[in-house]
Amino acid sequence: MFHQLATLDRLDQRFGRTVVALVCAGFLAVLLAGAVAAYVMGRSEEQTDWVNHTFEVERHAGAIRLALEELRSARRGELLGLQGSSGASYAQAWAHPMAEIDTVARLTRDNPRQQAQLAEMHRRAQTLDRLMRSSGHGGVAGTAIGEPVRQQAAQAVEESAERVLSLEQGLLRVRIAKQGELVAIFYLVLAVAGTLLLGVAFASIMVILRYTRDLTRTRDDLRTLNANLESLVGERTQDLQRANDEIQRFAYIVSHDLRAPLVNVMGFTAELEASLKSLEGLLDEVERDTPALVGAGTGAEARDAVRLDLPEAIGFIRTSTHKMDRLINAILRLSREGRRTITPEPVMLAPLLVGVVDGIRHLVDERGAQVTIAQPMPTIVSDRLALEQILSNLIENALKYLSPARPGDIRISARQERGRTVIAVADNGRGIDPRDHERVFELFRRSGAQDQPGEGIGLAHVRALAYRLGGTIRVESALDQGATFLVDLPNQFSSEKDAVT
């Protein structure tokens, strides 16, 4: 199962890295395509502006020829005396081609070749103007002999205009070609970006399909393992329950069998004490009648043995047998509790705690302590007797290890969260070293100064009961800062099988 979970983790990590890489590749492709497209569009707009500029130059260059025709018409009208009915005067008509020439010059001021052509055109136009104006004042210029010269001058102006148009058309072809190249580059970039995006999309789909396939296979394996695990857990739970029952029976049998020789030892110890009294009486008579007999040597050793060594040895034996008797009783009590059937019932913690505190009120008053039960207290479904034993042990333990430096203050509270109830028993006593937080729950183990009676069984009993109720217990404490024992229990205890699992 752990192998499948590790496989799932590896799949998730690999899938995440691959997806991130593909997303980054797609983003970079789109970013690159956008940047190139923006560049191409900018250049294309620039070329479009130049194309439009060329069209405008061509329009004004073509208008020069039309203006020359208007100039000829205006001149003929003046010669025939038709100025009033033929339209504009010659002076007005002359302004039109010059204005168009100036416009073309302005539009092509960045083109030296065009500027040279326009300067030549301007000179030829000036020559044409002089010829036109002189034709109306007689002389050779005004005769039919001067007409070819004027026509030649007009033709020279038109040829200059044609050369300007020719240069612009050449520029137009170049600019249209560049515009086409930019459009081709734009479509090429779009094609490359589209191909990259399609590749990324295809790779993403393949990765997702493979991840889904692997994930499905791994989850199927996990489902199979879970099904097997449930049966295995059931079997192990039964084995654990049988082992626990066997341990309980073993503890009961051992404790019961140990009690028989212990009773014999205690009985013979009592007989030794009675015999010792007889010996002491006999020794008193010997000392009274024949003091020299016990004054030195073997007699003195016998006197010391009867009056010093034997009472001390019997005292050690009695102390040890009493301690062993307490330990055997504790083991028997734990064994009986382990074999007792848990009986769940609704238990209101508030009155239960009041009853527990009232039951040990004499200890509370003797220690001069104060016990506070926070309200409100929840109601849980659990074993009442086990709860009483847990809380009684914890409160008695808090009273036992209060600090002499301050009045005892014990506070009991409870809260419910996520289907469980956490009961806290907090005191302001000596506290427990963090290194001993687990040790205090072990059987026959104690922490701190051993100046209080006890065998180290109470907290072990509490933890065993908490486990049987499907809960846990832990402690939060530091030296000389009090201790808080937290009992975590389910709100609804269903069966001992659930508690074991």
Protein backbone atom coordinates (compact mmCIF):
# COMPACT_ATOMS: atom_id res chain seq x y z
CA MET A 1 0.00 0.00 0.00
CA PHE A 2 2.83 2.37 0.83
CA HIS A 3 4.33 1.54 -2.57
CA GLN A 4 1.08 2.58 -4.28
CA LEU A 5 0.92 5.78 -2.24
CA ALA A 6 4.52 6.56 -3.17
CA THR A 7 3.64 5.86 -6.81
CA LEU A 8 0.72 8.29 -6.56
CA ASP A 9 3.02 10.93 -5.11
CA ARG A 10 5.52 10.42 -7.92
CA LEU A 11 2.72 10.58 -10.52
CA ASP A 12 1.40 13.79 -9.02
CA GLN A 13 4.86 15.36 -8.93
CA ARG A 14 5.71 14.30 -12.49
CA PHE A 15 2.29 15.37 -13.77
CA GLY A 16 2.62 18.73 -12.07
CA ARG A 17 6.09 19.37 -13.47
CA THR A 18 5.06 18.29 -16.98
CA VAL A 19 1.90 20.39 -17.00
CA VAL A 20 3.79 23.42 -15.74
CA ALA A 21 6.44 22.92 -18.44
CA LEU A 22 3.80 22.57 -21.16
CA VAL A 23 1.86 25.58 -19.94
CA CYS A 24 5.09 27.61 -19.87
CA ALA A 25 5.94 26.42 -23.40
CA GLY A 26 2.48 27.35 -24.65
CA PHE A 27 2.65 30.71 -22.91
CA LEU A 28 6.06 31.41 -24.41
CA ALA A 29 4.79 30.41 -27.87
CA VAL A 30 1.81 32.73 -27.55
CA LEU A 31 4.02 35.49 -26.16
CA LEU A 32 6.53 35.09 -28.98
CA ALA A 33 3.78 34.99 -31.59
CA GLY A 34 2.19 38.07 -30.09
CA ALA A 35 5.48 39.95 -30.02
CA VAL A 36 6.31 39.02 -33.63
CA ALA A 37 2.75 39.77 -34.74
CA ALA A 38 2.90 43.16 -33.05
CA TYR A 39 6.22 43.87 -34.75
CA VAL A 40 4.94 42.71 -38.15
CA MET A 41 1.72 44.66 -37.78
CA GLY A 42 3.67 47.76 -36.85
CA ARG A 43 5.93 47.39 -39.85
CA SER A 44 2.94 46.59 -42.04
CA GLU A 45 1.16 49.73 -40.90
CA GLU A 46 4.34 51.66 -41.62
CA GLN A 47 4.50 50.21 -45.13
CA THR A 48 0.81 50.91 -45.61
CA ASP A 49 1.42 54.54 -44.69
CA TRP A 50 4.23 54.69 -47.23
CA VAL A 51 2.00 53.12 -49.89
CA ASN A 52 -0.70 55.67 -49.13
CA HIS A 53 1.97 58.36 -49.28
CA THR A 54 3.02 57.12 -52.73
CA PHE A 55 -0.58 57.18 -53.92
CA GLU A 56 -0.91 60.74 -52.71
CA VAL A 57 2.30 61.78 -54.50
CA GLU A 58 1.03 60.10 -57.68
CA ARG A 59 -2.29 61.91 -57.36
CA HIS A 60 -0.64 65.32 -57.07
CA ALA A 61 1.89 64.49 -59.81
CA GLY A 62 -0.99 63.54 -62.13
CA ALA A 63 -2.75 66.75 -61.16
CA ILE A 64 0.21 68.70 -62.56
CA ARG A 65 -0.63 67.55 -66.10
CA LEU A 66 -4.27 68.49 -65.63
CA ALA A 67 -3.20 71.88 -64.34
CA LEU A 68 -1.06 72.39 -67.47
CA GLU A 69 -4.12 71.73 -69.64
CA GLU A 70 -6.09 74.28 -67.60
CA LEU A 71 -3.15 76.69 -68.04
CA ARG A 72 -3.28 76.27 -71.86
CA SER A 73 -7.05 76.79 -71.87
CA ALA A 74 -6.76 79.95 -69.77
CA ARG A 75 -4.08 81.32 -72.14
CA ARG A 76 -6.21 80.62 -75.25
CA GLY A 77 -9.17 82.28 -73.56
CA GLU A 78 -7.18 85.42 -72.90
CA LEU A 79 -5.88 85.48 -76.50
CA LEU A 80 -9.44 85.11 -77.85
CA GLY A 81 -10.88 87.60 -75.40
CA LEU A 82 -13.03 84.99 -73.69
CA GLN A 83 -11.65 85.42 -70.20
CA GLY A 84 -14.95 86.19 -68.58
CA SER A 85 -16.76 83.16 -69.98
CA SER A 86 -13.97 80.60 -70.17
CA GLY A 87 -13.34 80.19 -66.46
CA ALA A 88 -10.24 81.15 -64.46
CA SER A 89 -7.79 83.70 -65.66
CA TYR A 90 -4.28 82.78 -66.73
CA ALA A 91 -2.83 84.05 -63.44
CA GLN A 92 -5.29 81.93 -61.49
CA ALA A 93 -4.65 78.90 -63.71
CA TRP A 94 -0.88 79.36 -63.32
CA ALA A 95 -1.19 79.14 -59.51
CA HIS A 96 -2.70 75.65 -59.78
CA PRO A 97 0.27 73.71 -61.33
CA MET A 98 2.72 75.59 -59.12
CA ALA A 99 0.70 74.64 -56.04
CA GLU A 100 0.71 70.97 -57.11
CA ILE A 101 4.47 71.11 -57.77
CA ASP A 102 5.03 72.61 -54.30
CA THR A 103 2.81 69.90 -52.75
CA VAL A 104 4.76 67.11 -54.46
CA ALA A 105 8.01 68.73 -53.37
CA ARG A 106 6.77 68.86 -49.80
CA LEU A 107 5.64 65.23 -49.87
CA THR A 108 8.96 64.02 -51.33
CA ARG A 109 11.36 66.18 -49.35
CA ASP A 110 13.01 62.98 -47.94
CA ASN A 111 13.78 61.73 -51.50
CA PRO A 112 16.81 63.47 -53.07
CA ARG A 113 16.09 62.10 -56.56
CA GLN A 114 12.55 63.41 -56.48
CA GLN A 115 13.73 66.73 -55.16
CA ALA A 116 16.14 67.02 -58.11
CA GLN A 117 13.33 66.19 -60.57
CA LEU A 118 10.99 68.67 -58.95
CA ALA A 119 13.62 71.42 -59.03
CA GLU A 120 14.08 70.77 -62.77
CA MET A 121 10.28 70.75 -63.21
CA HIS A 122 10.03 74.04 -61.35
CA ARG A 123 12.60 75.66 -63.65
CA ARG A 124 10.84 74.33 -66.76
CA ALA A 125 7.51 75.57 -65.45
CA GLN A 126 9.00 79.01 -64.92
CA THR A 127 10.30 78.92 -68.50
CA LEU A 128 6.87 77.87 -69.74
CA ASP A 129 5.28 80.74 -67.81
CA ARG A 130 7.58 83.29 -69.40
CA LEU A 131 6.78 81.93 -72.83
CA MET A 132 3.05 81.94 -72.16
CA ARG A 133 2.98 85.44 -70.80
CA SER A 134 5.19 86.85 -73.63
CA SER A 135 2.94 85.32 -76.30
CA GLY A 136 0.24 87.80 -75.49
CA HIS A 137 2.48 90.93 -76.21
CA GLY A 138 3.33 90.45 -79.93
CA GLY A 139 6.77 89.83 -81.40
CA VAL A 140 8.18 86.51 -82.45
CA ALA A 141 6.99 84.93 -79.24
CA GLY A 142 3.46 85.95 -80.00
CA THR A 143 3.39 84.56 -83.54
CA ALA A 144 2.71 81.09 -84.72
CA ILE A 145 6.47 80.68 -85.03
CA GLY A 146 6.76 80.69 -81.13
CA GLU A 147 4.08 78.08 -80.60
CA PRO A 148 6.37 75.02 -81.07
CA VAL A 149 8.72 76.48 -78.46
CA ARG A 150 5.85 76.79 -75.99
CA GLN A 151 4.64 73.30 -76.78
CA GLN A 152 8.15 71.99 -76.26
CA ALA A 153 8.39 73.79 -72.92
CA ALA A 154 5.02 72.36 -71.83
CA GLN A 155 6.14 68.91 -73.01
CA ALA A 156 9.30 69.27 -70.88
CA VAL A 157 7.20 70.02 -67.80
CA GLU A 158 4.98 66.99 -68.52
CA GLU A 159 8.05 64.81 -68.99
CA SER A 160 9.35 65.93 -65.60
CA ALA A 161 5.97 65.04 -64.10
CA GLU A 162 6.14 61.62 -65.81
CA ARG A 163 9.60 60.99 -64.33
CA VAL A 164 8.27 61.90 -60.86
CA LEU A 165 5.40 59.47 -61.40
CA SER A 166 7.79 56.79 -62.63
CA LEU A 167 10.00 57.14 -59.54
CA GLU A 168 6.98 56.94 -57.25
CA GLN A 169 5.65 53.89 -59.04
CA GLY A 170 9.03 52.20 -58.55
CA LEU A 171 8.86 53.06 -54.85
CA LEU A 172 5.28 51.79 -54.79
CA ARG A 173 6.30 48.42 -56.19
CA VAL A 174 9.11 48.11 -53.61
CA ARG A 175 6.80 49.10 -50.77
CA ILE A 176 4.03 46.76 -51.88
CA ALA A 177 6.60 43.94 -52.10
CA LYS A 178 7.83 44.70 -48.56
CA GLN A 179 4.26 44.79 -47.37
CA GLY A 180 3.69 41.40 -48.93
CA GLU A 181 6.82 40.05 -47.28
CA LEU A 182 5.63 41.31 -43.92
CA VAL A 183 2.23 39.71 -44.44
CA ALA A 184 3.96 36.46 -45.39
CA ILE A 185 6.12 36.66 -42.26
CA PHE A 186 3.00 37.37 -40.21
CA TYR A 187 1.22 34.29 -41.56
CA LEU A 188 4.38 32.22 -41.10
CA VAL A 189 4.61 33.29 -37.46
CA LEU A 190 0.94 32.50 -36.98
CA ALA A 191 1.49 29.09 -38.56
CA VAL A 192 4.51 28.36 -36.36
CA ALA A 193 2.71 29.57 -33.23
CA GLY A 194 -0.36 27.56 -34.15
CA THR A 195 1.81 24.48 -34.73
CA LEU A 196 3.51 24.99 -31.37
CA LEU A 197 0.17 25.44 -29.64
CA LEU A 198 -1.20 22.35 -31.32
CA GLY A 199 1.93 20.46 -30.24
CA VAL A 200 1.55 21.71 -26.69
CA ALA A 201 -2.15 20.83 -26.71
CA PHE A 202 -1.41 17.37 -28.09
CA ALA A 203 1.37 16.80 -25.55
CA SER A 204 -0.90 18.05 -22.74
CA ILE A 205 -3.68 15.71 -23.81
CA MET A 206 -1.26 12.79 -23.99
CA VAL A 207 0.18 13.63 -20.56
CA ILE A 208 -3.30 13.96 -19.05
CA LEU A 209 -4.42 10.70 -20.64
CA ARG A 210 -1.32 8.89 -19.42
CA TYR A 211 -1.67 10.41 -15.96
CA THR A 212 -5.34 9.47 -15.87
CA ARG A 213 -4.52 5.94 -16.99
CA ASP A 214 -1.77 5.56 -14.41
CA LEU A 215 -3.90 7.18 -11.75
CA THR A 216 -6.81 4.88 -12.52
CA ARG A 217 -4.57 1.82 -12.42
CA THR A 218 -2.98 2.93 -9.15
CA ARG A 219 -6.35 3.70 -7.61
CA ASP A 220 -7.61 0.30 -8.68
CA ASP A 221 -4.61 -1.23 -6.97
CA LEU A 222 -5.31 0.86 -3.90
CA ARG A 223 -8.96 -0.15 -3.95
CA THR A 224 -7.93 -3.78 -4.10
CA LEU A 225 -5.41 -3.27 -1.33
CA ASN A 226 -8.00 -1.44 0.77
CA ALA A 227 -10.42 -4.30 0.33
CA ASN A 228 -7.73 -6.75 1.36
CA LEU A 229 -6.62 -4.40 4.12
CA GLU A 230 -10.08 -4.27 5.62
CA SER A 231 -10.17 -8.02 5.93
CA LEU A 232 -6.58 -8.04 7.18
CA VAL A 233 -7.37 -5.35 9.75
CA GLY A 234 -10.38 -7.36 10.84
CA GLU A 235 -8.23 -10.43 11.29
CA ARG A 236 -5.51 -8.48 13.07
CA THR A 237 -8.14 -6.83 15.28
CA GLN A 238 -9.45 -10.21 16.29
CA ASP A 239 -5.91 -11.40 16.92
CA LEU A 240 -5.24 -8.29 18.96
CA GLN A 241 -8.44 -8.77 20.93
CA ARG A 242 -7.52 -12.41 21.63
CA ALA A 243 -3.99 -11.37 22.61
CA ASN A 244 -5.36 -8.65 24.86
CA ASP A 245 -7.74 -11.10 26.50
CA GLU A 246 -4.88 -13.55 26.93
CA ILE A 247 -2.74 -10.85 28.54
CA GLN A 248 -5.58 -9.96 30.87
CA ARG A 249 -6.03 -13.58 31.86
CA PHE A 250 -2.27 -13.99 32.26
CA ALA A 251 -2.06 -10.88 34.47
CA TYR A 252 -4.94 -12.13 36.56
CA ILE A 253 -3.47 -15.62 36.93
CA VAL A 254 0.02 -14.33 37.72
CA SER A 255 -1.30 -11.83 40.24
CA HIS A 256 -3.50 -14.47 41.82
CA ASP A 257 -0.67 -16.99 41.98
CA LEU A 258 1.73 -14.41 43.39
CA ARG A 259 -0.70 -13.57 46.15
CA ALA A 260 -0.58 -17.10 47.65
CA PRO A 261 3.20 -17.14 48.39
CA LEU A 262 2.98 -13.48 49.40
CA VAL A 263 0.34 -14.37 52.00
CA ASN A 264 2.66 -17.10 53.26
CA VAL A 265 5.56 -14.66 53.51
CA MET A 266 3.38 -12.16 55.37
CA GLY A 267 2.13 -14.93 57.71
CA PHE A 268 5.61 -16.21 58.49
CA THR A 269 6.74 -12.65 59.01
CA ALA A 270 4.04 -12.26 61.64
CA GLU A 271 5.18 -15.52 63.27
CA LEU A 272 8.79 -14.25 63.22
CA GLU A 273 7.63 -11.08 64.98
CA ALA A 274 5.84 -13.17 67.63
CA SER A 275 8.90 -15.42 68.06
CA LEU A 276 11.10 -12.34 68.28
CA LYS A 277 9.04 -11.06 71.18
CA SER A 278 9.60 -14.38 72.99
CA LEU A 279 13.33 -14.16 72.33
CA GLU A 280 13.40 -10.59 73.58
CA GLY A 281 11.61 -11.72 76.77
CA LEU A 282 14.12 -14.56 77.21
CA LEU A 283 17.01 -12.16 76.58
CA ASP A 284 15.62 -9.79 79.24
CA GLU A 285 15.56 -12.65 81.81
CA VAL A 286 19.13 -13.71 80.93
CA GLU A 287 20.38 -10.13 81.26
CA ARG A 288 18.62 -9.84 84.63
CA ASP A 289 19.82 -13.15 86.04
CA THR A 290 23.24 -13.63 84.41
CA PRO A 291 24.33 -10.38 82.76
CA ALA A 292 27.84 -11.69 82.20
CA LEU A 293 26.47 -14.31 79.79
CA VAL A 294 25.39 -11.64 77.22
CA GLY A 295 27.93 -9.00 78.08
CA ALA A 296 30.60 -9.97 75.59
CA GLY A 297 31.51 -12.34 72.77
CA THR A 298 28.85 -14.63 71.36
CA GLY A 299 26.30 -13.49 73.92
CA ALA A 300 26.67 -9.87 72.84
CA GLU A 301 26.27 -10.82 69.18
CA ALA A 302 23.11 -12.78 70.02
CA ARG A 303 21.76 -9.81 71.99
CA ASP A 304 22.41 -7.41 69.02
CA ALA A 305 20.85 -9.87 66.57
CA VAL A 306 17.67 -10.14 68.68
CA ARG A 307 17.32 -6.46 69.49
CA LEU A 308 18.73 -4.81 66.31
CA ASP A 309 19.26 -7.03 63.26
CA LEU A 310 16.11 -9.16 63.41
CA PRO A 311 13.64 -6.24 63.96
CA GLU A 312 15.30 -4.33 61.08
CA ALA A 313 15.14 -7.35 58.73
CA ILE A 314 11.52 -8.06 59.66
CA GLY A 315 10.69 -4.37 59.04
CA PHE A 316 12.25 -4.54 55.54
CA ILE A 317 10.34 -7.74 54.79
CA ARG A 318 7.05 -6.25 55.95
CA THR A 319 7.59 -3.04 53.92
CA SER A 320 8.45 -5.03 50.80
CA THR A 321 5.51 -7.40 51.19
CA HIS A 322 3.12 -4.48 51.67
CA LYS A 323 4.49 -2.80 48.52
CA MET A 324 4.24 -6.07 46.60
CA ASP A 325 0.69 -6.49 47.85
CA ARG A 326 -0.21 -3.02 46.57
CA LEU A 327 1.35 -3.77 43.18
CA ILE A 328 -0.48 -7.09 42.90
CA ASN A 329 -3.75 -5.37 43.80
CA ALA A 330 -3.10 -2.73 41.15
CA ILE A 331 -2.38 -5.37 38.52
CA LEU A 332 -5.53 -7.24 39.49
CA ARG A 333 -7.50 -4.01 39.27
CA LEU A 334 -6.10 -3.30 35.79
CA SER A 335 -6.87 -6.87 34.75
CA ARG A 336 -10.44 -6.65 36.00
CA GLU A 337 -10.92 -3.30 34.22
CA GLY A 338 -9.53 -4.77 31.02
CA ARG A 339 -11.99 -7.64 31.18
CA ARG A 340 -14.95 -5.48 32.13
CA THR A 341 -17.49 -4.94 29.35
CA ILE A 342 -17.79 -1.32 28.24
CA THR A 343 -21.38 -0.11 28.49
CA PRO A 344 -22.02 3.08 26.48
CA GLU A 345 -24.71 5.45 27.70
CA PRO A 346 -25.42 9.19 27.47
CA VAL A 347 -23.30 10.87 30.13
CA MET A 348 -23.68 14.54 31.10
CA LEU A 349 -20.18 15.56 32.08
CA ALA A 350 -21.20 18.44 34.36
CA PRO A 351 -23.03 16.38 37.04
CA LEU A 352 -20.51 13.55 36.61
CA LEU A 353 -17.64 15.92 37.47
CA VAL A 354 -19.54 17.42 40.38
CA GLY A 355 -20.01 13.92 41.80
CA VAL A 356 -16.32 13.07 41.31
CA VAL A 357 -15.18 16.27 43.05
CA ASP A 358 -17.64 15.75 45.91
CA GLY A 359 -16.29 12.22 46.34
CA ILE A 360 -12.77 13.53 47.02
CA ARG A 361 -13.84 16.74 48.75
CA HIS A 362 -11.88 15.77 51.86
CA LEU A 363 -8.65 15.69 49.82
CA VAL A 364 -9.48 19.04 48.18
CA ASP A 365 -10.09 20.66 51.59
CA GLU A 366 -7.04 18.98 53.11
CA ARG A 367 -4.81 20.41 50.36
CA GLY A 368 -6.47 23.83 50.52
CA ALA A 369 -7.12 23.74 46.79
CA GLN A 370 -9.89 25.08 44.59
CA VAL A 371 -11.51 23.01 41.84
CA THR A 372 -13.41 24.89 39.10
CA ILE A 373 -15.66 23.17 36.55
CA ALA A 374 -16.15 25.31 33.46
CA GLN A 375 -19.67 25.57 32.06
CA PRO A 376 -21.33 24.52 29.87
CA MET A 377 -20.24 20.89 29.70
CA PRO A 378 -21.23 18.63 26.78
CA THR A 379 -22.98 15.27 26.88
CA ILE A 380 -21.26 12.24 25.33
CA VAL A 381 -22.13 8.59 24.86
CA SER A 382 -19.53 6.53 26.72
CA ASP A 383 -18.94 4.30 29.74
CA ARG A 384 -19.84 6.18 32.92
CA LEU A 385 -17.68 4.13 35.30
CA ALA A 386 -14.60 4.44 33.07
CA LEU A 387 -15.13 8.21 32.81
CA GLU A 388 -15.43 8.51 36.59
CA GLN A 389 -12.21 6.57 37.08
CA ILE A 390 -10.34 8.65 34.47
CA LEU A 391 -11.43 12.00 35.91
CA SER A 392 -11.01 10.91 39.52
CA ASN A 393 -7.44 9.74 38.88
CA LEU A 394 -6.54 12.95 37.05
CA ILE A 395 -7.96 15.23 39.76
CA GLU A 396 -6.35 13.19 42.57
CA ASN A 397 -3.05 13.30 40.68
CA ALA A 398 -3.33 17.09 40.37
CA LEU A 399 -4.03 17.38 44.12
CA LYS A 400 -1.08 15.10 44.93
CA TYR A 401 1.47 17.20 43.03
CA LEU A 402 0.42 20.76 43.87
CA SER A 403 3.17 23.30 44.41
CA PRO A 404 3.72 24.39 48.03
CA ALA A 405 4.64 27.86 46.74
CA ARG A 406 1.05 28.79 45.79
CA PRO A 407 -2.56 27.82 46.54
CA GLY A 408 -3.79 24.94 44.43
CA ASP A 409 -6.02 25.83 41.49
CA ILE A 410 -7.49 23.02 39.36
CA ARG A 411 -9.65 23.88 36.36
CA ILE A 412 -11.69 21.37 34.36
CA SER A 413 -13.09 22.24 30.94
CA ALA A 414 -14.36 20.46 27.84
CA ARG A 415 -14.87 21.30 24.18
CA GLN A 416 -16.28 19.45 21.20
CA GLU A 417 -14.72 19.51 17.73
CA ARG A 418 -15.06 17.28 14.65
CA GLY A 419 -17.12 14.62 16.38
CA ARG A 420 -14.88 14.35 19.45
CA THR A 421 -14.78 15.75 22.98
CA VAL A 422 -11.57 16.99 24.58
CA ILE A 423 -11.65 17.12 28.39
CA ALA A 424 -8.87 19.24 29.95
CA VAL A 425 -7.77 18.94 33.60
CA ALA A 426 -5.35 21.81 34.28
CA ASP A 427 -3.49 22.62 37.51
CA ASN A 428 -0.90 25.13 38.70
CA GLY A 429 1.28 22.56 40.43
CA ARG A 430 4.87 21.40 40.06
CA GLY A 431 4.62 20.61 36.38
CA ILE A 432 6.30 17.80 34.45
CA ASP A 433 9.58 17.92 32.58
CA PRO A 434 8.88 17.69 28.80
CA ARG A 435 11.25 14.71 28.65
CA ASP A 436 8.89 12.77 30.94
CA HIS A 437 5.62 13.52 29.12
CA GLU A 438 5.40 9.96 27.76
CA ARG A 439 7.11 8.28 30.68
CA VAL A 440 4.43 9.27 33.20
CA PHE A 441 1.89 7.10 31.35
CA GLU A 442 4.04 3.97 31.61
CA LEU A 443 3.27 1.32 34.23
CA PHE A 444 5.25 1.68 37.47
CA ARG A 445 7.03 4.81 36.16
CA ARG A 446 6.95 8.18 37.89
CA SER A 447 8.45 11.60 37.27
CA GLY A 448 10.03 14.23 39.49
CA ALA A 449 10.63 14.05 43.23
CA GLN A 450 9.33 10.79 44.75
CA ASP A 451 7.95 12.44 47.91
CA GLN A 452 4.34 11.32 47.45
CA PRO A 453 2.92 7.81 47.97
CA GLY A 454 2.13 5.79 44.88
CA GLU A 455 3.34 3.00 42.64
CA GLY A 456 3.15 4.70 39.23
CA ILE A 457 -0.09 2.98 38.22
CA GLY A 458 -2.69 5.78 38.13
CA LEU A 459 -1.82 7.43 34.80
CA ALA A 460 -1.14 4.05 33.17
CA HIS A 461 -4.63 3.02 34.27
CA VAL A 462 -6.05 6.28 32.88
CA ARG A 463 -4.41 5.74 29.50
CA ALA A 464 -5.63 2.13 29.33
CA LEU A 465 -9.19 3.29 30.06
CA ALA A 466 -8.95 6.10 27.48
CA TYR A 467 -7.79 3.60 24.85
CA ARG A 468 -10.69 1.29 25.66
CA LEU A 469 -13.09 4.21 25.17
CA GLY A 470 -11.62 4.87 21.73
CA GLY A 471 -9.66 7.91 22.86
CA THR A 472 -6.21 9.15 23.76
CA ILE A 473 -4.58 11.15 26.52
CA ARG A 474 -1.64 13.52 26.44
CA VAL A 475 -0.06 16.11 28.71
CA GLU A 476 1.11 19.66 28.15
CA SER A 477 3.43 20.88 30.88
CA ALA A 478 6.73 22.38 31.92
CA LEU A 479 8.54 22.36 35.26
CA ASP A 480 6.96 24.64 37.88
CA GLN A 481 4.33 25.80 35.37
CA GLY A 482 1.53 23.40 36.12
CA ALA A 483 0.23 20.60 33.92
CA THR A 484 -2.77 20.12 31.62
CA PHE A 485 -3.96 16.59 30.87
CA LEU A 486 -6.09 16.37 27.71
CA VAL A 487 -8.41 13.40 27.27
CA ASP A 488 -9.65 13.08 23.67
CA LEU A 489 -12.75 10.89 23.40
CA PRO A 490 -15.33 10.22 20.65
CA ASN A 491 -18.69 11.88 21.14
CA GLN A 492 -20.37 8.54 20.37
CA PHE A 493 -18.68 5.31 21.47
CA SER A 494 -20.18 2.40 19.56
CA SER A 495 -18.38 -0.81 20.50
CA GLU A 496 -15.19 -2.15 21.97
CA LYS A 497 -14.15 -3.39 18.52
CA ASP A 498 -14.15 0.20 17.30
CA ALA A 499 -12.13 1.25 20.29
CA VAL A 500 -9.49 -1.41 19.60
CA THR A 501 -9.22 -0.59 15.91
